PDB file of N, CA and C in Angstrom:
ATOM      1  N   MET A   1      -2.315 -43.172  28.435  1.00  0.00           N
ATOM      2  CA  MET A   1      -0.903 -43.198  28.117  1.00  0.00           C
ATOM      3  C   MET A   1      -0.195 -42.231  29.070  1.00  0.00           C
ATOM      4  N   THR A   2       0.922 -42.661  29.594  1.00  0.00           N
ATOM      5  CA  THR A   2       1.640 -41.814  30.538  1.00  0.00           C
ATOM      6  C   THR A   2       2.326 -40.657  29.826  1.00  0.00           C
ATOM      7  N   ILE A   3       2.657 -39.644  30.601  1.00  0.00           N
ATOM      8  CA  ILE A   3       3.289 -38.451  30.040  1.00  0.00           C
ATOM      9  C   ILE A   3       4.636 -38.775  29.410  1.00  0.00           C
ATOM     10  N   TRP A   4       5.368 -39.736  29.977  1.00  0.00           N
ATOM     11  CA  TRP A   4       6.690 -40.077  29.443  1.00  0.00           C
ATOM     12  C   TRP A   4       6.595 -40.755  28.094  1.00  0.00           C
ATOM     13  N   LYS A   5       5.576 -41.595  27.908  1.00  0.00           N
ATOM     14  CA  LYS A   5       5.394 -42.239  26.604  1.00  0.00           C
ATOM     15  C   LYS A   5       5.007 -41.202  25.558  1.00  0.00           C
ATOM     16  N   ARG A   6       4.106 -40.298  25.942  1.00  0.00           N
ATOM     17  CA  ARG A   6       3.702 -39.232  25.013  1.00  0.00           C
ATOM     18  C   ARG A   6       4.895 -38.369  24.640  1.00  0.00           C
ATOM     19  N   LEU A   7       5.712 -38.036  25.621  1.00  0.00           N
ATOM     20  CA  LEU A   7       6.875 -37.192  25.374  1.00  0.00           C
ATOM     21  C   LEU A   7       7.879 -37.886  24.459  1.00  0.00           C
ATOM     22  N   LEU A   8       8.135 -39.156  24.695  1.00  0.00           N
ATOM     23  CA  LEU A   8       9.074 -39.905  23.875  1.00  0.00           C
ATOM     24  C   LEU A   8       8.584 -40.038  22.434  1.00  0.00           C
ATOM     25  N   ILE A   9       7.327 -40.377  22.254  1.00  0.00           N
ATOM     26  CA  ILE A   9       6.766 -40.504  20.905  1.00  0.00           C
ATOM     27  C   ILE A   9       6.803 -39.164  20.184  1.00  0.00           C
ATOM     28  N   THR A  10       6.457 -38.098  20.890  1.00  0.00           N
ATOM     29  CA  THR A  10       6.473 -36.763  20.293  1.00  0.00           C
ATOM     30  C   THR A  10       7.878 -36.363  19.880  1.00  0.00           C
ATOM     31  N   LEU A  11       8.845 -36.618  20.737  1.00  0.00           N
ATOM     32  CA  LEU A  11      10.230 -36.272  20.431  1.00  0.00           C
ATOM     33  C   LEU A  11      10.749 -37.060  19.227  1.00  0.00           C
ATOM     34  N   LEU A  12      10.438 -38.344  19.182  1.00  0.00           N
ATOM     35  CA  LEU A  12      10.865 -39.162  18.042  1.00  0.00           C
ATOM     36  C   LEU A  12      10.240 -38.689  16.737  1.00  0.00           C
ATOM     37  N   CYS A  13       8.974 -38.361  16.769  1.00  0.00           N
ATOM     38  CA  CYS A  13       8.299 -37.870  15.562  1.00  0.00           C
ATOM     39  C   CYS A  13       8.858 -36.522  15.120  1.00  0.00           C
ATOM     40  N   MET A  14       9.190 -35.676  16.080  1.00  0.00           N
ATOM     41  CA  MET A  14       9.751 -34.373  15.761  1.00  0.00           C
ATOM     42  C   MET A  14      11.096 -34.525  15.051  1.00  0.00           C
ATOM     43  N   VAL A  15      11.956 -35.378  15.574  1.00  0.00           N
ATOM     44  CA  VAL A  15      13.269 -35.594  14.967  1.00  0.00           C
ATOM     45  C   VAL A  15      13.130 -36.254  13.594  1.00  0.00           C
ATOM     46  N   LEU A  16      12.247 -37.221  13.498  1.00  0.00           N
ATOM     47  CA  LEU A  16      12.034 -37.914  12.229  1.00  0.00           C
ATOM     48  C   LEU A  16      11.498 -36.961  11.153  1.00  0.00           C
ATOM     49  N   ALA A  17      10.539 -36.112  11.514  1.00  0.00           N
ATOM     50  CA  ALA A  17       9.988 -35.153  10.551  1.00  0.00           C
ATOM     51  C   ALA A  17      11.069 -34.187  10.075  1.00  0.00           C
ATOM     52  N   SER A  18      11.876 -33.675  10.985  1.00  0.00           N
ATOM     53  CA  SER A  18      12.951 -32.762  10.606  1.00  0.00           C
ATOM     54  C   SER A  18      13.961 -33.455   9.686  1.00  0.00           C
ATOM     55  N   PHE A  19      14.284 -34.705   9.992  1.00  0.00           N
ATOM     56  CA  PHE A  19      15.244 -35.447   9.181  1.00  0.00           C
ATOM     57  C   PHE A  19      14.711 -35.694   7.766  1.00  0.00           C
ATOM     58  N   ILE A  20      13.467 -36.119   7.665  1.00  0.00           N
ATOM     59  CA  ILE A  20      12.870 -36.405   6.350  1.00  0.00           C
ATOM     60  C   ILE A  20      12.769 -35.142   5.504  1.00  0.00           C
ATOM     61  N   VAL A  21      12.333 -34.057   6.117  1.00  0.00           N
ATOM     62  CA  VAL A  21      12.230 -32.797   5.364  1.00  0.00           C
ATOM     63  C   VAL A  21      13.617 -32.304   4.964  1.00  0.00           C
ATOM     64  N   GLY A  22      14.610 -32.508   5.819  1.00  0.00           N
ATOM     65  CA  GLY A  22      15.978 -32.131   5.470  1.00  0.00           C
ATOM     66  C   GLY A  22      16.494 -32.905   4.268  1.00  0.00           C
ATOM     67  N   LEU A  23      16.196 -34.199   4.227  1.00  0.00           N
ATOM     68  CA  LEU A  23      16.598 -35.003   3.068  1.00  0.00           C
ATOM     69  C   LEU A  23      15.881 -34.553   1.796  1.00  0.00           C
ATOM     70  N   ALA A  24      14.596 -34.277   1.911  1.00  0.00           N
ATOM     71  CA  ALA A  24      13.835 -33.816   0.741  1.00  0.00           C
ATOM     72  C   ALA A  24      14.352 -32.460   0.256  1.00  0.00           C
ATOM     73  N   TRP A  25      14.637 -31.563   1.192  1.00  0.00           N
ATOM     74  CA  TRP A  25      15.155 -30.237   0.841  1.00  0.00           C
ATOM     75  C   TRP A  25      16.487 -30.369   0.102  1.00  0.00           C
ATOM     76  N   ARG A  26      17.348 -31.229   0.638  1.00  0.00           N
ATOM     77  CA  ARG A  26      18.663 -31.414   0.010  1.00  0.00           C
ATOM     78  C   ARG A  26      18.519 -32.016  -1.386  1.00  0.00           C
ATOM     79  N   GLY A  27      17.559 -32.915  -1.562  1.00  0.00           N
ATOM     80  CA  GLY A  27      17.328 -33.506  -2.873  1.00  0.00           C
ATOM     81  C   GLY A  27      16.784 -32.511  -3.880  1.00  0.00           C
ATOM     82  N   MET A  28      15.939 -31.582  -3.412  1.00  0.00           N
ATOM     83  CA  MET A  28      15.339 -30.609  -4.333  1.00  0.00           C
ATOM     84  C   MET A  28      16.264 -29.440  -4.640  1.00  0.00           C
ATOM     85  N   PHE A  29      16.971 -28.943  -3.635  1.00  0.00           N
ATOM     86  CA  PHE A  29      17.738 -27.711  -3.800  1.00  0.00           C
ATOM     87  C   PHE A  29      19.249 -27.904  -3.737  1.00  0.00           C
ATOM     88  N   ASP A  30      19.720 -29.107  -3.449  1.00  0.00           N
ATOM     89  CA  ASP A  30      21.142 -29.408  -3.334  1.00  0.00           C
ATOM     90  C   ASP A  30      21.843 -28.448  -2.363  1.00  0.00           C
ATOM     91  N   ALA A  31      21.174 -28.197  -1.248  1.00  0.00           N
ATOM     92  CA  ALA A  31      21.724 -27.338  -0.191  1.00  0.00           C
ATOM     93  C   ALA A  31      21.129 -27.784   1.131  1.00  0.00           C
ATOM     94  N   ARG A  32      21.757 -27.373   2.234  1.00  0.00           N
ATOM     95  CA  ARG A  32      21.229 -27.710   3.559  1.00  0.00           C
ATOM     96  C   ARG A  32      20.018 -26.839   3.866  1.00  0.00           C
ATOM     97  N   ILE A  33      19.080 -27.403   4.594  1.00  0.00           N
ATOM     98  CA  ILE A  33      17.885 -26.666   4.995  1.00  0.00           C
ATOM     99  C   ILE A  33      18.281 -25.673   6.094  1.00  0.00           C
ATOM    100  N   PRO A  34      17.758 -24.456   6.057  1.00  0.00           N
ATOM    101  CA  PRO A  34      18.057 -23.506   7.133  1.00  0.00           C
ATOM    102  C   PRO A  34      17.565 -24.042   8.481  1.00  0.00           C
ATOM    103  N   SER A  35      18.328 -23.800   9.526  1.00  0.00           N
ATOM    104  CA  SER A  35      18.012 -24.369  10.841  1.00  0.00           C
ATOM    105  C   SER A  35      16.685 -23.877  11.380  1.00  0.00           C
ATOM    106  N   TYR A  36      16.331 -22.616  11.125  1.00  0.00           N
ATOM    107  CA  TYR A  36      15.053 -22.106  11.616  1.00  0.00           C
ATOM    108  C   TYR A  36      13.884 -22.814  10.944  1.00  0.00           C
ATOM    109  N   LEU A  37      14.026 -23.171   9.688  1.00  0.00           N
ATOM    110  CA  LEU A  37      12.967 -23.873   8.978  1.00  0.00           C
ATOM    111  C   LEU A  37      12.844 -25.310   9.466  1.00  0.00           C
ATOM    112  N   SER A  38      13.952 -25.947   9.720  1.00  0.00           N
ATOM    113  CA  SER A  38      13.938 -27.301  10.263  1.00  0.00           C
ATOM    114  C   SER A  38      13.292 -27.321  11.648  1.00  0.00           C
ATOM    115  N   GLY A  39      13.623 -26.331  12.474  1.00  0.00           N
ATOM    116  CA  GLY A  39      13.013 -26.224  13.801  1.00  0.00           C
ATOM    117  C   GLY A  39      11.525 -25.973  13.733  1.00  0.00           C
ATOM    118  N   LEU A  40      11.097 -25.150  12.792  1.00  0.00           N
ATOM    119  CA  LEU A  40       9.676 -24.868  12.620  1.00  0.00           C
ATOM    120  C   LEU A  40       8.913 -26.125  12.221  1.00  0.00           C
ATOM    121  N   ILE A  41       9.452 -26.886  11.301  1.00  0.00           N
ATOM    122  CA  ILE A  41       8.806 -28.119  10.854  1.00  0.00           C
ATOM    123  C   ILE A  41       8.740 -29.136  11.986  1.00  0.00           C
ATOM    124  N   GLY A  42       9.833 -29.283  12.713  1.00  0.00           N
ATOM    125  CA  GLY A  42       9.849 -30.197  13.855  1.00  0.00           C
ATOM    126  C   GLY A  42       8.858 -29.784  14.931  1.00  0.00           C
ATOM    127  N   GLY A  43       8.778 -28.496  15.214  1.00  0.00           N
ATOM    128  CA  GLY A  43       7.850 -27.997  16.228  1.00  0.00           C
ATOM    129  C   GLY A  43       6.393 -28.185  15.851  1.00  0.00           C
ATOM    130  N   VAL A  44       6.064 -27.908  14.613  1.00  0.00           N
ATOM    131  CA  VAL A  44       4.680 -28.084  14.153  1.00  0.00           C
ATOM    132  C   VAL A  44       4.289 -29.558  14.179  1.00  0.00           C
ATOM    133  N   SER A  45       5.196 -30.417  13.773  1.00  0.00           N
ATOM    134  CA  SER A  45       4.881 -31.849  13.821  1.00  0.00           C
ATOM    135  C   SER A  45       4.735 -32.318  15.268  1.00  0.00           C
ATOM    136  N   ALA A  46       5.545 -31.766  16.178  1.00  0.00           N
ATOM    137  CA  ALA A  46       5.446 -32.138  17.590  1.00  0.00           C
ATOM    138  C   ALA A  46       4.102 -31.716  18.174  1.00  0.00           C
ATOM    139  N   LEU A  47       3.635 -30.530  17.826  1.00  0.00           N
ATOM    140  CA  LEU A  47       2.326 -30.078  18.314  1.00  0.00           C
ATOM    141  C   LEU A  47       1.204 -30.986  17.825  1.00  0.00           C
ATOM    142  N   ALA A  48       1.270 -31.366  16.565  1.00  0.00           N
ATOM    143  CA  ALA A  48       0.232 -32.234  16.011  1.00  0.00           C
ATOM    144  C   ALA A  48       0.226 -33.607  16.687  1.00  0.00           C
ATOM    145  N   ILE A  49       1.392 -34.189  16.862  1.00  0.00           N
ATOM    146  CA  ILE A  49       1.487 -35.506  17.498  1.00  0.00           C
ATOM    147  C   ILE A  49       1.049 -35.431  18.959  1.00  0.00           C
ATOM    148  N   TRP A  50       1.456 -34.378  19.668  1.00  0.00           N
ATOM    149  CA  TRP A  50       1.080 -34.219  21.076  1.00  0.00           C
ATOM    150  C   TRP A  50      -0.438 -34.169  21.219  1.00  0.00           C
ATOM    151  N   GLU A  51      -1.099 -33.460  20.309  1.00  0.00           N
ATOM    152  CA  GLU A  51      -2.562 -33.372  20.358  1.00  0.00           C
ATOM    153  C   GLU A  51      -3.212 -34.716  20.007  1.00  0.00           C
ATOM    154  N   LEU A  52      -2.648 -35.435  19.072  1.00  0.00           N
ATOM    155  CA  LEU A  52      -3.208 -36.721  18.717  1.00  0.00           C
ATOM    156  C   LEU A  52      -3.083 -37.732  19.858  1.00  0.00           C
ATOM    157  N   LEU A  53      -2.024 -37.617  20.656  1.00  0.00           N
ATOM    158  CA  LEU A  53      -1.805 -38.544  21.758  1.00  0.00           C
ATOM    159  C   LEU A  53      -2.486 -38.108  23.051  1.00  0.00           C
ATOM    160  N   ARG A  54      -3.121 -36.946  23.044  1.00  0.00           N
ATOM    161  CA  ARG A  54      -3.772 -36.420  24.243  1.00  0.00           C
ATOM    162  C   ARG A  54      -4.909 -37.339  24.662  1.00  0.00           C
ATOM    163  N   PRO A  55      -4.985 -37.618  25.967  1.00  0.00           N
ATOM    164  CA  PRO A  55      -6.091 -38.464  26.441  1.00  0.00           C
ATOM    165  C   PRO A  55      -7.436 -37.758  26.253  1.00  0.00           C
ATOM    166  N   ARG A  56      -8.391 -38.478  25.800  1.00  0.00           N
ATOM    167  CA  ARG A  56      -9.724 -37.927  25.561  1.00  0.00           C
ATOM    168  C   ARG A  56     -10.576 -38.100  26.814  1.00  0.00           C
ATOM    169  N   SER A  57     -11.255 -37.065  27.210  1.00  0.00           N
ATOM    170  CA  SER A  57     -12.142 -37.176  28.380  1.00  0.00           C
ATOM    171  C   SER A  57     -13.562 -37.479  27.910  1.00  0.00           C
ATOM    172  N   GLY A  58     -14.294 -38.176  28.741  1.00  0.00           N
ATOM    173  CA  GLY A  58     -15.684 -38.478  28.422  1.00  0.00           C
ATOM    174  C   GLY A  58     -15.870 -39.768  27.644  1.00  0.00           C
ATOM    175  N   ARG A  59     -14.848 -40.552  27.505  1.00  0.00           N
ATOM    176  CA  ARG A  59     -14.984 -41.816  26.777  1.00  0.00           C
ATOM    177  C   ARG A  59     -14.966 -42.982  27.707  1.00  0.00           C
TER     178      ARG A  59
END
């Protein structure tokens, strides 16, 4: 998979994860999620997706 496809998929997953958690937070607490927490969730999801899409050597 090319770097651009990996980057696009990672970016989409990061935004989607932040959006879903923001909706859940608003439903539970009836308030907006703090921006630092939204960024942390998006970043952690991006790291996980980036690793899952990493090309495997030796196969």
